[in-house]
Amino acid sequence: MSEPSVKENVYSKGRPWVLAEVPYAFVKEHQYEVAVLPLGACEPHNLHLPYGTDAFQSNVIAASACEWAWKRGGNVVVLPTLPYGTQTNQQEFPLAMNIYPQTLDLVMKDLLETLVRCGIRKVLVFNGHGGNEIKGFLRETCLKSPAEIFAFNWFRVANKVALDIFSEPEDHAGEMETSLGLAYFGDLVGRKADGTLVADEGRRAVCRFDAVQKGWVEIARPWHLLTTNSGSGNPHGASVDKGRKLMERLTEIVGSFLLELSGSTMDERFPY
C-alpha cells in the first residue's frame, strides 16, 4: 500500500491549510511554504456586531483564501488569529481590549522566529483591524529576519473592489462589516424581533479642522467623540448576499496572491 500524499490530510477531518485543525501526524510529514497570520481585535462595533468581529472576519476570509490557493496547488497554512489589537482610540468604551503597537510587534516577532525556525520564510500578515499598524514592523523586520513579510489590510482593499456591492464606503461596523457578519456569524448579530438590526445609523462627528477633514493632517481619533455607539457607517443596507459576494472577491484576490507567493523561488532578487 502506497503512502498517502502529504498534501492530503488523511489523519483527521481537519482542513490541511488550517494549522489549528491538523494533527502532528500530518505536520511532521508536510513542510509548508507560506504562512498567513490573521490579526483581529476585541472592540465594540456599533450596537449590533460582536466584540470579536475583526477576529471573526480575519479568520474566515484568510481561511477561505488559503483554501482557494491550496486546492490549486498552493502550499499554504493559516495560523490561529490573534484576537487582540491596538485599541487606544476606543478606551472610553468598556472592554475595548488594548495591546499597544510595540506589544503587538513583539508578539509578531516571536511568532515569526518560530516560523523561520520551522523552515517557513514567506509570511503574510492578514490584518483585519484599522488600529493595527503593520508598516513599522515590516520596516524593522526586513533588517533582522531571513523571512519576507507581506501585509494585507483586507478592509482597505474591500472598499476599492466592492463599490458595486455596497451603497457607501465602510469605516467601522457599517454595511460591509455587517454584511459579512450576517453571512458568516449571523447568530451573533443583534437583531430585533422583526429582523431589523439593533444598531444606530453610524453617524460621525465632523472635526472642526478642515485640514483633518481633508486628510492633510492626521490625528488619533477618539471614538467616543467621533461616534455615538462606536459605529462609523450606516449598517442598515447590509445583507447576507452582499457579504457572500464580497467574500468571493476577497477570496480570489488573496488566494491568487498566496498561490503565486507559494510557487515563487526565494532567490537573491526576491521579491523582485
Foldseek 3Di string as FASTA:
>chain_A
DDDDDLLDQPPDPFDPQEVVRGDPVSVVVDQAAEEEEEEAAQDDFFPWAHRQLLQLVSVVLVVLLSVLLSVVPFRHHYYRYHRHEADPQAVVDPPRDHDDQVRVLVVVVVVQVVCVVSPHQHYEYEYRDPRHDCPVSQVVVVVPDSHHYHYDHLLVVLQVPCPVLDDDRADTNAQQSVLLCCQRVVVRTDADPVGFGPGDQQQFDDDPDPCVVVVVDDDSHNQVRGTPRSGHYGRRVHHPVSSVVSSVVSSCVSSVVSNVSRPDDPDPPPPD
